[in-house]
């Protein structure tokens, strides 16, 4: 693709067109979540109708947020995206707290999770790759452990490979993103079409549609003894289930980090936000229709290891479903991690330019990409792959090992929601602070749509803080731990910021 500006030393190259940008949005959103979390949600809400309602709420919220973000993206088309919006709307402290949480857990924890997800599904094809096949057996450290299983090693290798590829320049990162997003979108569409067609023929899921709202199967406790049996329990269940569905639809905002490399960003970033989220949310809703067509509801609730997509593929291709889905999910997670790795480094670049991150991260290499940002992000994501949580029985005997990044991601889903709410409030703030600023795109349905998002997301957040205290309050602690770090960093880098040179 032709660049709209000639490359110059120390500047980004604007090499992402509308298609590339849309592929980055869609590719970063579609990981492994859609193939798994519907099983968990089905246990939380207990009926086919409510399963689709959860995904519909996620879709509406995500789309409202993306259409609102478009205004900020068009107004400030600079590398760093959401970090820049929070900095400009509120203060550098709020921008830093977002960037700090992004680096510490949101982006890197997701990269770690997606990398090990890739390795787990590789294990279906190559049994040697397993989370219980150890190169270094778990070394116990209280309620945690450190280990290196073959699955963790594959995860580390994937992070290293994609990080290296993205240091070679935007063109290669873009090519990988476009190829893998096209492949996994095609695979998801095939799963949807075949799942619905085969399901309708077999009638396996007929009861799901004829008995849409009746609760069934084993219902999961959603907090403080509540379950979907009562109307209030169902409401809490729908809100709590959003942690799974919203996480599966997250990372749509990553395109804003790369705005310094988008051709005609004032037009293309808002459009790619809209197109990418509409595409993915549409596919997610249809994927759940396919699950409901192909499987009885209790089979969705009780899918082995929550692999509902693999169970659906087994109905379509008896005996081969697990293998087919393993390949599809490996393609999906590979492309997803490429998008996360590519975009994340641009946010740290913007922080470094403001003197709020390691100074070298604010430099571009000869390929016009923030190589040091990519490397530091890759190292930290790799570190998060290694720690394990120790599972014990009542007698204190070790029964298995979990992954620390899983806990960290549970903790920060609520924190990420806080930053989304704040960013959208930032639209209202900037309309008052800078009424004359150029706004090539204005938030769709302003002020109603952005306000509805703020209200809806706040309701979910309040429910999570009341009923899921073990996983929400630690997230707030992680965010607040950034406050002293901000002042220390600002003091140590006083006068050394490069200024706001984030756009090429």
Protein backbone atom coordinates (compact mmCIF):
# COMPACT_ATOMS: atom_id res chain seq x y z
CA UNK A 1 0.00 0.00 0.00
CA UNK A 2 1.29 3.46 -0.78
CA UNK A 3 2.13 5.65 2.19
CA UNK A 4 0.59 9.06 2.45
CA UNK A 5 3.75 10.57 3.87
CA UNK A 6 7.40 9.96 3.16
CA UNK A 7 9.25 8.25 6.01
CA UNK A 8 11.49 10.59 7.94
CA UNK A 9 13.82 9.71 10.78
CA UNK A 10 12.12 9.59 14.16
CA UNK A 11 8.62 9.72 12.72
CA UNK A 12 5.91 7.15 12.26
CA UNK A 13 4.96 6.08 8.73
CA UNK A 14 1.27 6.41 7.96
CA UNK A 15 0.84 2.97 6.43
CA UNK A 16 -2.52 1.75 7.79
CA UNK A 17 -5.48 2.25 5.44
CA UNK A 18 -9.15 1.80 6.35
CA UNK A 19 -9.09 -1.96 5.65
CA UNK A 20 -5.87 -2.43 7.68
CA UNK A 21 -7.34 -0.43 10.57
CA UNK A 22 -10.59 -2.39 10.52
CA UNK A 23 -8.61 -5.64 10.48
CA UNK A 24 -6.65 -4.42 13.51
CA UNK A 25 -9.88 -3.68 15.40
CA UNK A 26 -11.53 -7.01 14.49
CA UNK A 27 -8.35 -9.07 14.81
CA UNK A 28 -7.53 -7.71 18.27
CA UNK A 29 -11.08 -8.42 19.47
CA UNK A 30 -11.39 -12.02 18.26
CA UNK A 31 -9.15 -14.24 20.40
CA UNK A 32 -10.28 -17.44 22.09
CA UNK A 33 -13.03 -16.02 24.31
CA UNK A 34 -15.95 -16.43 21.91
CA UNK A 35 -15.09 -20.14 21.58
CA UNK A 36 -15.21 -20.72 25.36
CA UNK A 37 -17.02 -18.18 27.56
CA UNK A 38 -20.59 -18.90 26.38
CA UNK A 39 -20.40 -22.10 28.44
CA UNK A 40 -19.63 -20.07 31.60
CA UNK A 41 -22.31 -17.47 30.79
CA UNK A 42 -24.89 -20.25 30.20
CA UNK A 43 -24.29 -21.47 33.79
CA UNK A 44 -24.61 -17.92 35.13
CA UNK A 45 -27.92 -17.00 33.43
CA UNK A 46 -29.49 -20.42 32.85
CA UNK A 47 -31.56 -19.98 29.67
CA UNK A 48 -30.96 -19.60 25.91
CA UNK A 49 -32.75 -16.25 25.79
CA UNK A 50 -30.69 -14.80 28.63
CA UNK A 51 -27.45 -16.07 27.04
CA UNK A 52 -28.25 -14.02 23.94
CA UNK A 53 -29.31 -11.05 26.12
CA UNK A 54 -25.86 -11.04 27.78
CA UNK A 55 -24.15 -10.91 24.36
CA UNK A 56 -26.65 -8.29 23.15
CA UNK A 57 -25.86 -6.06 26.16
CA UNK A 58 -22.13 -6.51 25.45
CA UNK A 59 -22.69 -5.68 21.79
CA UNK A 60 -24.72 -2.55 22.50
CA UNK A 61 -22.24 -1.31 25.12
CA UNK A 62 -19.19 -2.00 22.93
CA UNK A 63 -20.76 -0.35 19.90
CA UNK A 64 -21.87 2.72 21.89
CA UNK A 65 -18.34 3.06 23.28
CA UNK A 66 -16.68 2.62 19.87
CA UNK A 67 -18.99 5.17 18.19
CA UNK A 68 -18.29 7.62 21.02
CA UNK A 69 -14.51 7.09 20.94
CA UNK A 70 -14.56 8.08 17.29
CA UNK A 71 -14.94 11.74 18.27
CA UNK A 72 -11.80 11.67 20.44
CA UNK A 73 -9.89 9.69 17.80
CA UNK A 74 -10.73 12.20 15.06
CA UNK A 75 -9.99 15.15 17.36
CA UNK A 76 -6.60 13.81 18.55
CA UNK A 77 -5.23 11.39 15.92
CA UNK A 78 -1.99 10.70 17.78
CA UNK A 79 -0.05 7.63 18.89
CA UNK A 80 -1.19 6.61 22.37
CA UNK A 81 -4.95 6.91 21.81
CA UNK A 82 -6.84 6.42 25.05
CA UNK A 83 -3.83 7.51 27.13
CA UNK A 84 -3.82 10.84 25.25
CA UNK A 85 -7.62 11.29 25.61
CA UNK A 86 -7.51 10.84 29.40
CA UNK A 87 -4.46 13.11 29.68
CA UNK A 88 -6.16 15.88 27.71
CA UNK A 89 -9.63 15.56 29.26
CA UNK A 90 -8.57 15.24 32.89
CA UNK A 91 -4.83 15.41 33.69
CA UNK A 92 -1.53 13.65 32.98
CA UNK A 93 -2.10 11.61 36.19
CA UNK A 94 -5.25 9.97 34.77
CA UNK A 95 -3.49 9.27 31.49
CA UNK A 96 -0.60 7.69 33.38
CA UNK A 97 -2.87 5.53 35.58
CA UNK A 98 -4.43 4.11 32.44
CA UNK A 99 -1.04 3.54 30.78
CA UNK A 100 0.36 2.02 33.99
CA UNK A 101 -2.55 -0.44 34.28
CA UNK A 102 -2.36 -1.16 30.55
CA UNK A 103 1.33 -2.06 30.77
CA UNK A 104 1.21 -3.83 34.12
CA UNK A 105 -1.79 -6.04 33.44
CA UNK A 106 -4.42 -5.16 30.80
CA UNK A 107 -2.30 -5.44 27.64
CA UNK A 108 0.52 -7.66 28.87
CA UNK A 109 -1.76 -9.97 30.88
CA UNK A 110 -3.97 -10.41 27.83
CA UNK A 111 -0.92 -11.11 25.65
CA UNK A 112 0.21 -13.76 28.17
CA UNK A 113 -3.27 -15.32 28.34
CA UNK A 114 -3.71 -15.42 24.56
CA UNK A 115 -0.20 -16.90 24.09
CA UNK A 116 -0.86 -19.74 26.54
CA UNK A 117 -4.32 -20.17 24.98
CA UNK A 118 -2.54 -20.71 21.64
CA UNK A 119 -0.26 -23.31 23.29
CA UNK A 120 -3.19 -25.13 24.94
CA UNK A 121 -4.89 -25.65 21.59
CA UNK A 122 -1.59 -26.65 20.01
CA UNK A 123 -1.62 -29.38 22.68
CA UNK A 124 -4.70 -30.91 20.99
CA UNK A 125 -2.55 -31.47 17.88
CA UNK A 126 0.80 -32.07 19.63
CA UNK A 127 0.17 -33.78 23.01
CA UNK A 128 3.76 -33.02 24.12
CA UNK A 129 2.64 -29.38 24.51
CA UNK A 130 0.83 -29.43 27.84
CA UNK A 131 0.51 -27.30 30.97
CA UNK A 132 1.37 -30.38 33.02
CA UNK A 133 4.43 -31.48 30.99
CA UNK A 134 7.18 -29.62 32.83
CA UNK A 135 10.60 -28.53 31.62
CA UNK A 136 11.00 -26.93 35.08
CA UNK A 137 8.61 -28.40 37.67
CA UNK A 138 6.64 -25.93 39.84
CA UNK A 139 8.76 -24.25 42.51
CA UNK A 140 6.38 -23.49 45.38
CA UNK A 141 6.38 -19.95 46.83
CA UNK A 142 3.57 -19.95 49.40
CA UNK A 143 0.22 -19.90 47.60
CA UNK A 144 2.00 -19.32 44.28
CA UNK A 145 4.55 -21.25 42.22
CA UNK A 146 6.90 -20.71 39.30
CA UNK A 147 7.09 -23.28 36.53
CA UNK A 148 8.00 -23.77 32.90
CA UNK A 149 5.74 -26.28 31.19
CA UNK A 150 5.95 -27.05 27.48
CA UNK A 151 2.76 -24.99 27.01
CA UNK A 152 4.34 -22.03 28.82
CA UNK A 153 7.47 -22.43 26.66
CA UNK A 154 5.37 -22.32 23.47
CA UNK A 155 3.57 -19.24 24.82
CA UNK A 156 6.91 -17.51 25.47
CA UNK A 157 8.14 -18.45 21.99
CA UNK A 158 4.98 -16.99 20.41
CA UNK A 159 5.39 -13.68 22.30
CA UNK A 160 9.08 -13.52 21.29
CA UNK A 161 8.33 -14.30 17.62
CA UNK A 162 5.54 -11.73 17.26
CA UNK A 163 7.50 -9.09 19.17
CA UNK A 164 10.51 -9.62 16.88
CA UNK A 165 8.33 -9.50 13.74
CA UNK A 166 6.77 -6.22 14.84
CA UNK A 167 10.19 -4.61 15.41
CA UNK A 168 10.81 -5.17 11.67
CA UNK A 169 8.33 -2.47 10.73
CA UNK A 170 4.64 -1.75 10.28
CA UNK A 171 4.38 -3.43 6.86
CA UNK A 172 5.10 -6.92 8.24
CA UNK A 173 2.89 -6.46 11.32
CA UNK A 174 0.07 -5.24 9.08
CA UNK A 175 0.47 -8.19 6.68
CA UNK A 176 0.30 -10.75 9.52
CA UNK A 177 -2.75 -8.97 10.94
CA UNK A 178 -4.66 -8.88 7.65
CA UNK A 179 -3.92 -12.53 6.74
CA UNK A 180 -4.80 -13.97 10.15
CA UNK A 181 -7.88 -11.79 10.71
CA UNK A 182 -9.24 -12.80 7.30
CA UNK A 183 -8.57 -16.48 8.07
CA UNK A 184 -10.18 -16.49 11.50
CA UNK A 185 -13.18 -14.41 10.39
CA UNK A 186 -13.71 -16.94 7.62
CA UNK A 187 -13.41 -19.83 10.11
CA UNK A 188 -15.92 -18.20 12.46
CA UNK A 189 -18.38 -17.61 9.61
CA UNK A 190 -18.00 -21.28 8.54
CA UNK A 191 -18.67 -22.43 12.14
CA UNK A 192 -21.78 -20.21 12.28
CA UNK A 193 -23.24 -21.31 8.93
CA UNK A 194 -22.51 -25.03 9.39
CA UNK A 195 -23.58 -24.97 13.06
CA UNK A 196 -26.95 -23.44 12.20
CA UNK A 197 -27.55 -25.64 9.13
CA UNK A 198 -26.55 -28.93 10.83
CA UNK A 199 -28.33 -27.93 14.04
CA UNK A 200 -31.60 -27.17 12.26
CA UNK A 201 -31.41 -30.50 10.39
CA UNK A 202 -30.72 -32.55 13.51
CA UNK A 203 -33.09 -30.59 15.74
CA UNK A 204 -30.54 -30.90 18.59
CA UNK A 205 -31.15 -27.36 19.77
CA UNK A 206 -34.88 -27.18 18.97
CA UNK A 207 -35.82 -27.00 22.66
CA UNK A 208 -33.55 -23.95 23.06
CA UNK A 209 -35.76 -21.91 20.73
CA UNK A 210 -39.15 -23.36 21.64
CA UNK A 211 -38.42 -22.88 25.36
CA UNK A 212 -36.37 -19.72 25.17
CA UNK A 213 -36.60 -18.22 28.67
CA UNK A 214 -37.03 -21.21 31.01
CA UNK A 215 -34.10 -21.70 33.40
CA UNK A 216 -32.42 -25.11 33.28
CA UNK A 217 -29.28 -27.01 34.16
CA UNK A 218 -26.85 -26.32 36.98
CA UNK A 219 -26.87 -22.60 37.85
CA UNK A 220 -23.70 -20.92 39.06
CA UNK A 221 -23.60 -18.76 42.19
CA UNK A 222 -23.02 -15.19 40.96
CA UNK A 223 -22.15 -13.70 44.35
CA UNK A 224 -23.40 -13.72 47.94
CA UNK A 225 -25.48 -16.85 47.41
CA UNK A 226 -27.44 -15.37 44.51
CA UNK A 227 -28.26 -17.28 41.34
CA UNK A 228 -30.46 -16.70 38.28
CA UNK A 229 -33.41 -18.43 40.02
CA UNK A 230 -34.68 -15.07 41.34
CA UNK A 231 -35.33 -11.99 39.19
CA UNK A 232 -32.70 -9.98 41.10
CA UNK A 233 -30.26 -12.90 40.92
CA UNK A 234 -30.78 -13.01 37.16
CA UNK A 235 -30.06 -9.26 36.91
CA UNK A 236 -26.86 -9.71 38.94
CA UNK A 237 -26.01 -12.75 36.79
CA UNK A 238 -26.35 -10.73 33.57
CA UNK A 239 -24.08 -8.02 35.00
CA UNK A 240 -21.49 -10.51 36.33
CA UNK A 241 -21.53 -12.43 33.02
CA UNK A 242 -20.38 -9.21 31.32
CA UNK A 243 -16.89 -9.83 32.73
CA UNK A 244 -16.67 -12.79 30.32
CA UNK A 245 -18.45 -11.36 27.29
CA UNK A 246 -16.97 -7.84 27.56
CA UNK A 247 -13.49 -9.35 27.90
CA UNK A 248 -14.10 -11.45 24.77
CA UNK A 249 -15.10 -8.27 22.91
CA UNK A 250 -12.34 -6.10 24.38
CA UNK A 251 -9.29 -4.53 22.67
CA UNK A 252 -11.47 -2.71 20.08
CA UNK A 253 -9.84 0.49 21.37
CA UNK A 254 -6.33 -0.66 20.35
CA UNK A 255 -6.61 1.05 16.96
CA UNK A 256 -6.53 4.40 18.81
CA UNK A 257 -2.99 3.59 20.05
CA UNK A 258 -1.79 3.37 16.44
CA UNK A 259 -3.50 6.55 15.19
CA UNK A 260 -0.07 8.06 14.38
CA UNK A 261 0.30 5.42 11.65
CA UNK A 262 -3.19 5.55 10.12
CA UNK A 263 -3.65 7.24 6.73
CA UNK A 264 -6.21 10.06 7.06
CA UNK A 265 -6.79 9.16 10.73
CA UNK A 266 -9.54 11.73 11.30
CA UNK A 267 -11.71 9.71 8.90
CA UNK A 268 -10.31 6.20 9.09
CA UNK A 269 -9.95 5.67 12.85
CA UNK A 270 -13.64 6.44 13.64
CA UNK A 271 -14.77 4.39 10.62
CA UNK A 272 -12.58 1.39 11.54
CA UNK A 273 -13.90 1.53 15.13
CA UNK A 274 -17.46 1.38 13.79
CA UNK A 275 -16.86 -1.25 11.07
CA UNK A 276 -14.66 -3.51 13.20
CA UNK A 277 -16.96 -3.59 16.23
CA UNK A 278 -20.13 -4.07 14.12
CA UNK A 279 -18.47 -6.99 12.30
CA UNK A 280 -17.25 -8.72 15.46
CA UNK A 281 -20.39 -8.17 17.56
CA UNK A 282 -22.52 -9.48 14.66
CA UNK A 283 -20.33 -12.60 14.41
CA UNK A 284 -20.42 -13.13 18.20
CA UNK A 285 -24.22 -13.00 18.33
CA UNK A 286 -24.51 -15.39 15.37
CA UNK A 287 -21.92 -17.75 16.91
CA UNK A 288 -24.14 -18.07 19.98
CA UNK A 289 -27.16 -18.75 17.74
CA UNK A 290 -25.08 -21.52 16.12
CA UNK A 291 -24.22 -23.00 19.54
CA UNK A 292 -27.91 -22.95 20.49
CA UNK A 293 -28.92 -24.57 17.16
CA UNK A 294 -26.35 -27.36 17.35
CA UNK A 295 -26.35 -28.27 21.07
CA UNK A 296 -28.88 -28.83 23.87
CA UNK A 297 -28.53 -26.07 26.49
CA UNK A 298 -27.17 -28.43 29.16
CA UNK A 299 -24.45 -29.50 26.69
CA UNK A 300 -23.45 -25.82 26.35
CA UNK A 301 -23.39 -25.45 30.14
CA UNK A 302 -21.34 -28.62 30.64
CA UNK A 303 -18.97 -28.47 27.66
CA UNK A 304 -15.64 -30.14 28.66
CA UNK A 305 -13.18 -27.41 29.71
CA UNK A 306 -15.90 -24.93 28.56
CA UNK A 307 -14.94 -25.60 24.92
CA UNK A 308 -18.41 -24.98 23.51
CA UNK A 309 -17.13 -24.27 19.99
CA UNK A 310 -15.30 -27.62 19.90
CA UNK A 311 -18.53 -29.38 20.95
CA UNK A 312 -20.37 -27.56 18.15
CA UNK A 313 -17.66 -28.53 15.64
CA UNK A 314 -18.01 -32.16 16.79
CA UNK A 315 -21.69 -32.07 15.84
CA UNK A 316 -20.74 -30.74 12.38
CA UNK A 317 -17.71 -33.03 11.89
CA UNK A 318 -18.17 -36.04 14.22
CA UNK A 319 -14.84 -37.10 15.70
CA UNK A 320 -12.85 -34.30 14.04
CA UNK A 321 -14.38 -31.25 15.73
CA UNK A 322 -11.72 -30.86 18.43
CA UNK A 323 -8.89 -30.93 15.87
CA UNK A 324 -10.61 -28.50 13.48
CA UNK A 325 -11.39 -26.02 16.27
CA UNK A 326 -7.85 -26.33 17.66
CA UNK A 327 -6.44 -25.20 14.31
CA UNK A 328 -9.05 -22.40 14.02
CA UNK A 329 -8.33 -21.14 17.55
CA UNK A 330 -4.55 -21.26 16.98
CA UNK A 331 -5.04 -19.07 13.90
CA UNK A 332 -7.34 -16.79 15.90
CA UNK A 333 -5.04 -16.39 18.92
CA UNK A 334 -1.94 -15.88 16.72
CA UNK A 335 -3.64 -12.98 14.90
CA UNK A 336 -5.12 -11.58 18.11
CA UNK A 337 -1.73 -11.47 19.84
CA UNK A 338 -0.12 -9.83 16.83
CA UNK A 339 -2.66 -6.99 17.06
CA UNK A 340 -2.24 -6.63 20.84
CA UNK A 341 1.57 -6.58 20.60
CA UNK A 342 1.61 -4.14 17.66
CA UNK A 343 -0.78 -1.65 19.28
CA UNK A 344 0.27 -1.77 22.94
CA UNK A 345 3.80 -0.49 22.33
CA UNK A 346 2.38 2.73 20.81
CA UNK A 347 0.70 3.65 24.11
CA UNK A 348 3.97 3.29 26.06
CA UNK A 349 5.71 5.32 23.33
CA UNK A 350 3.32 8.22 24.01
CA UNK A 351 3.91 7.92 27.77
CA UNK A 352 7.68 7.95 27.26
CA UNK A 353 7.39 11.09 25.09
CA UNK A 354 5.73 12.73 28.11
CA UNK A 355 8.55 11.60 30.43
CA UNK A 356 6.29 9.05 32.14
CA UNK A 357 7.95 5.81 30.99
CA UNK A 358 11.46 4.55 30.19
CA UNK A 359 13.04 7.21 27.98
CA UNK A 360 14.24 4.77 25.27
CA UNK A 361 10.64 3.64 24.71
CA UNK A 362 9.96 7.11 23.25
CA UNK A 363 12.36 6.46 20.33
CA UNK A 364 11.56 4.81 17.01
CA UNK A 365 14.00 2.40 15.39
CA UNK A 366 15.18 2.50 11.77
CA UNK A 367 11.95 0.71 10.78
CA UNK A 368 9.92 3.59 12.31
CA UNK A 369 8.40 1.51 15.12
CA UNK A 370 8.86 1.79 18.93
CA UNK A 371 11.16 -1.25 19.23
CA UNK A 372 12.04 -0.68 22.89
CA UNK A 373 8.34 -0.42 23.75
CA UNK A 374 7.76 -3.73 21.95
CA UNK A 375 10.71 -5.41 23.70
CA UNK A 376 9.82 -4.24 27.23
CA UNK A 377 6.18 -5.19 26.67
CA UNK A 378 7.27 -8.64 25.43
CA UNK A 379 9.56 -9.21 28.41
CA UNK A 380 6.88 -8.30 30.95
CA UNK A 381 4.20 -10.36 29.16
CA UNK A 382 6.68 -13.27 29.23
CA UNK A 383 7.23 -12.78 32.97
CA UNK A 384 3.45 -13.00 33.52
CA UNK A 385 3.37 -16.39 31.75
CA UNK A 386 5.59 -18.02 34.44
CA UNK A 387 3.82 -17.61 37.84
CA UNK A 388 1.17 -20.18 38.76
CA UNK A 389 -1.54 -20.13 41.40
CA UNK A 390 -1.57 -23.23 43.63
CA UNK A 391 -4.86 -25.12 44.03
CA UNK A 392 -5.18 -27.16 47.24
CA UNK A 393 -7.85 -29.33 48.85
CA UNK A 394 -9.17 -29.05 52.44
CA UNK A 395 -6.17 -31.02 53.72
CA UNK A 396 -3.73 -28.62 52.04
CA UNK A 397 -2.66 -31.12 49.38
CA UNK A 398 -1.84 -29.57 46.00
CA UNK A 399 -4.51 -30.56 43.46
CA UNK A 400 -3.34 -28.50 40.52
CA UNK A 401 -2.03 -25.18 39.25
CA UNK A 402 -3.75 -22.17 37.73
CA UNK A 403 -2.22 -19.17 35.97
CA UNK A 404 -1.53 -15.91 37.79
CA UNK A 405 -2.40 -13.80 34.72
CA UNK A 406 -5.92 -15.28 34.87
CA UNK A 407 -6.35 -13.77 38.35
CA UNK A 408 -4.81 -10.48 37.23
CA UNK A 409 -7.19 -10.23 34.26
CA UNK A 410 -10.17 -10.94 36.55
CA UNK A 411 -8.94 -8.10 38.76
CA UNK A 412 -8.56 -5.53 36.01
CA UNK A 413 -11.73 -6.09 33.97
CA UNK A 414 -13.48 -3.75 36.42
CA UNK A 415 -10.54 -1.31 36.24
CA UNK A 416 -10.65 -1.32 32.42
CA UNK A 417 -14.37 -0.52 32.65
CA UNK A 418 -13.58 2.48 34.90
CA UNK A 419 -11.20 3.84 32.26
CA UNK A 420 -13.75 3.33 29.47
CA UNK A 421 -16.36 5.25 31.49
CA UNK A 422 -13.88 8.04 32.27
CA UNK A 423 -12.82 8.31 28.62
CA UNK A 424 -16.42 8.72 27.45
CA UNK A 425 -17.07 11.27 30.21
CA UNK A 426 -14.00 12.96 28.69
CA UNK A 427 -16.07 13.68 25.54
CA UNK A 428 -18.42 15.84 27.64
CA UNK A 429 -15.47 17.45 29.46
CA UNK A 430 -13.64 18.35 26.23
CA UNK A 431 -16.80 19.75 24.63
CA UNK A 432 -16.84 22.27 27.49
CA UNK A 433 -13.07 22.80 27.80
CA UNK A 434 -12.42 23.05 24.06
CA UNK A 435 -15.66 24.02 22.34
CA UNK A 436 -13.81 25.36 19.28
CA UNK A 437 -11.54 22.32 18.70
CA UNK A 438 -11.83 20.71 15.29
CA UNK A 439 -14.13 17.66 15.47
CA UNK A 440 -14.26 16.03 12.00
CA UNK A 441 -16.47 13.30 13.50
CA UNK A 442 -18.88 13.91 16.36
CA UNK A 443 -19.99 11.14 18.71
CA UNK A 444 -23.02 9.31 17.29
CA UNK A 445 -26.21 10.24 19.17
CA UNK A 446 -24.45 12.77 21.43
CA UNK A 447 -25.27 13.34 24.28
CA UNK A 448 -27.72 10.42 24.64
CA UNK A 449 -25.61 7.49 23.37
CA UNK A 450 -22.44 8.37 25.34
CA UNK A 451 -24.57 9.05 28.45
CA UNK A 452 -26.35 5.69 28.08
CA UNK A 453 -22.98 3.94 27.90
CA UNK A 454 -21.80 5.70 31.07
CA UNK A 455 -25.00 4.74 32.93
CA UNK A 456 -25.03 1.13 31.68
CA UNK A 457 -21.34 0.49 32.34
CA UNK A 458 -21.59 2.14 35.78
CA UNK A 459 -24.49 -0.14 36.77
CA UNK A 460 -22.42 -3.21 35.79
CA UNK A 461 -19.42 -1.80 37.68
CA UNK A 462 -21.43 -1.20 40.88
CA UNK A 463 -22.85 -4.75 40.74
CA UNK A 464 -19.32 -6.17 40.27
CA UNK A 465 -17.96 -4.20 43.23
CA UNK A 466 -20.83 -5.40 45.47
CA UNK A 467 -21.14 -9.04 44.36
CA UNK A 468 -17.68 -9.94 43.03
CA UNK A 469 -15.54 -8.25 45.68
CA UNK A 470 -12.69 -10.79 45.54
CA UNK A 471 -11.93 -9.96 41.90
CA UNK A 472 -12.82 -6.25 41.70
CA UNK A 473 -11.19 -4.51 44.66
CA UNK A 474 -7.68 -5.84 43.89
CA UNK A 475 -8.03 -4.24 40.43
CA UNK A 476 -8.62 -0.87 42.06
CA UNK A 477 -5.53 -1.42 44.22
CA UNK A 478 -3.43 -2.10 41.07
CA UNK A 479 -4.64 1.17 39.53
CA UNK A 480 -4.10 3.23 42.71
CA UNK A 481 -0.60 1.78 43.15
CA UNK A 482 0.26 3.84 40.09
CA UNK A 483 -0.30 7.16 41.92
CA UNK A 484 3.02 7.19 43.85
CA UNK A 485 4.78 5.76 40.76
CA UNK A 486 3.48 8.70 38.71
CA UNK A 487 4.92 11.28 41.10
CA UNK A 488 8.24 9.41 41.38
CA UNK A 489 8.51 9.16 37.60
CA UNK A 490 7.60 12.79 37.09
CA UNK A 491 10.18 13.87 39.67
CA UNK A 492 12.97 11.72 38.17
CA UNK A 493 12.19 12.88 34.61
CA UNK A 494 11.49 16.52 35.39
CA UNK A 495 12.25 18.57 32.31
CA UNK A 496 13.23 15.58 30.17
CA UNK A 497 9.90 14.91 28.41
CA UNK A 498 10.09 15.04 24.64
CA UNK A 499 6.83 16.90 24.42
CA UNK A 500 3.76 15.87 22.53
CA UNK A 501 5.29 14.71 19.27
CA UNK A 502 3.10 11.70 18.93
CA UNK A 503 1.79 12.20 15.45
CA UNK A 504 3.92 11.74 12.43
